[in-house]
């Protein structure tokens, strides 16, 4: 939810003031949560022997599914 300042428009019956409305959130503002730590964390990638890339928690070192 964002707050937007709007100007009154009597022709469209819009009141002026601060209006809350929904807006999308950018993907860069979303953090992963580790199941073991219970906190938001950064991740690192590791390549396993069978050419699979897995995400690993930088705080505790566990894999993130």
C-alpha atoms as a PDB file:
ATOM      1  CA  UNK A   1       0.000   0.000   0.000  1.00  0.00           C
ATOM      2  CA  UNK A   2       1.290   3.428  -0.927  1.00  0.00           C
ATOM      3  CA  UNK A   3       0.028   6.848   0.055  1.00  0.00           C
ATOM      4  CA  UNK A   4      -0.657   9.283  -2.764  1.00  0.00           C
ATOM      5  CA  UNK A   5      -1.538  12.966  -2.502  1.00  0.00           C
ATOM      6  CA  UNK A   6      -4.489  13.805  -4.752  1.00  0.00           C
ATOM      7  CA  UNK A   7      -5.984  17.092  -5.763  1.00  0.00           C
ATOM      8  CA  UNK A   8      -9.713  17.593  -5.462  1.00  0.00           C
ATOM      9  CA  UNK A   9     -11.679  17.386  -8.710  1.00  0.00           C
ATOM     10  CA  UNK A  10     -15.330  18.434  -8.328  1.00  0.00           C
ATOM     11  CA  UNK A  11     -16.221  17.416 -11.909  1.00  0.00           C
ATOM     12  CA  UNK A  12     -15.397  13.761 -11.178  1.00  0.00           C
ATOM     13  CA  UNK A  13     -16.543  13.855  -7.523  1.00  0.00           C
ATOM     14  CA  UNK A  14     -13.012  13.170  -6.249  1.00  0.00           C
ATOM     15  CA  UNK A  15     -12.086  14.459  -2.831  1.00  0.00           C
ATOM     16  CA  UNK A  16      -8.599  15.770  -2.236  1.00  0.00           C
ATOM     17  CA  UNK A  17      -6.184  14.532   0.404  1.00  0.00           C
ATOM     18  CA  UNK A  18      -4.024  11.515   1.052  1.00  0.00           C
ATOM     19  CA  UNK A  19      -5.307   8.313  -0.535  1.00  0.00           C
ATOM     20  CA  UNK A  20      -3.958   4.809   0.107  1.00  0.00           C
ATOM     21  CA  UNK A  21      -3.828   2.541  -2.921  1.00  0.00           C
ATOM     22  CA  UNK A  22      -2.258  -0.767  -3.905  1.00  0.00           C
ATOM     23  CA  UNK A  23       0.844  -0.883  -6.038  1.00  0.00           C
ATOM     24  CA  UNK A  24       3.240  -3.629  -7.142  1.00  0.00           C
ATOM     25  CA  UNK A  25       6.482  -4.220  -5.234  1.00  0.00           C
ATOM     26  CA  UNK A  26       9.817  -4.482  -6.993  1.00  0.00           C
ATOM     27  CA  UNK A  27      11.515  -7.877  -6.928  1.00  0.00           C
ATOM     28  CA  UNK A  28      14.725  -6.339  -5.575  1.00  0.00           C
ATOM     29  CA  UNK A  29      12.868  -5.369  -2.382  1.00  0.00           C
ATOM     30  CA  UNK A  30      11.935  -8.962  -1.531  1.00  0.00           C
ATOM     31  CA  UNK A  31      14.215 -11.007   0.762  1.00  0.00           C
ATOM     32  CA  UNK A  32      14.475 -14.767   1.209  1.00  0.00           C
ATOM     33  CA  UNK A  33      13.840 -16.300   4.632  1.00  0.00           C
ATOM     34  CA  UNK A  34      15.940 -19.272   5.707  1.00  0.00           C
ATOM     35  CA  UNK A  35      13.997 -22.101   7.382  1.00  0.00           C
ATOM     36  CA  UNK A  36      16.850 -22.966   9.750  1.00  0.00           C
ATOM     37  CA  UNK A  37      17.819 -19.415  10.789  1.00  0.00           C
ATOM     38  CA  UNK A  38      14.322 -17.958  10.682  1.00  0.00           C
ATOM     39  CA  UNK A  39      15.777 -14.654   9.472  1.00  0.00           C
ATOM     40  CA  UNK A  40      16.070 -12.949   6.126  1.00  0.00           C
ATOM     41  CA  UNK A  41      19.372 -13.726   4.499  1.00  0.00           C
ATOM     42  CA  UNK A  42      21.557 -13.295   1.475  1.00  0.00           C
ATOM     43  CA  UNK A  43      22.296 -16.341  -0.627  1.00  0.00           C
ATOM     44  CA  UNK A  44      25.224 -17.778  -2.489  1.00  0.00           C
ATOM     45  CA  UNK A  45      25.187 -20.355  -5.272  1.00  0.00           C
ATOM     46  CA  UNK A  46      27.128 -23.586  -5.267  1.00  0.00           C
ATOM     47  CA  UNK A  47      27.490 -26.089  -8.105  1.00  0.00           C
ATOM     48  CA  UNK A  48      27.130 -29.712  -7.024  1.00  0.00           C
ATOM     49  CA  UNK A  49      28.870 -32.673  -8.662  1.00  0.00           C
ATOM     50  CA  UNK A  50      25.934 -33.461 -10.975  1.00  0.00           C
ATOM     51  CA  UNK A  51      25.908 -29.916 -12.487  1.00  0.00           C
ATOM     52  CA  UNK A  52      23.055 -28.696 -10.264  1.00  0.00           C
ATOM     53  CA  UNK A  53      23.126 -25.187  -8.831  1.00  0.00           C
ATOM     54  CA  UNK A  54      21.735 -24.839  -5.318  1.00  0.00           C
ATOM     55  CA  UNK A  55      21.148 -21.764  -3.193  1.00  0.00           C
ATOM     56  CA  UNK A  56      22.926 -21.692   0.170  1.00  0.00           C
ATOM     57  CA  UNK A  57      22.211 -19.438   3.167  1.00  0.00           C
ATOM     58  CA  UNK A  58      25.211 -17.236   3.915  1.00  0.00           C
ATOM     59  CA  UNK A  59      24.420 -17.109   7.660  1.00  0.00           C
ATOM     60  CA  UNK A  60      24.076 -20.803   8.518  1.00  0.00           C
ATOM     61  CA  UNK A  61      25.253 -22.607   5.358  1.00  0.00           C
ATOM     62  CA  UNK A  62      22.132 -24.730   4.810  1.00  0.00           C
ATOM     63  CA  UNK A  63      20.554 -25.247   1.396  1.00  0.00           C
ATOM     64  CA  UNK A  64      17.437 -23.259   0.494  1.00  0.00           C
ATOM     65  CA  UNK A  65      14.787 -25.026  -1.591  1.00  0.00           C
END
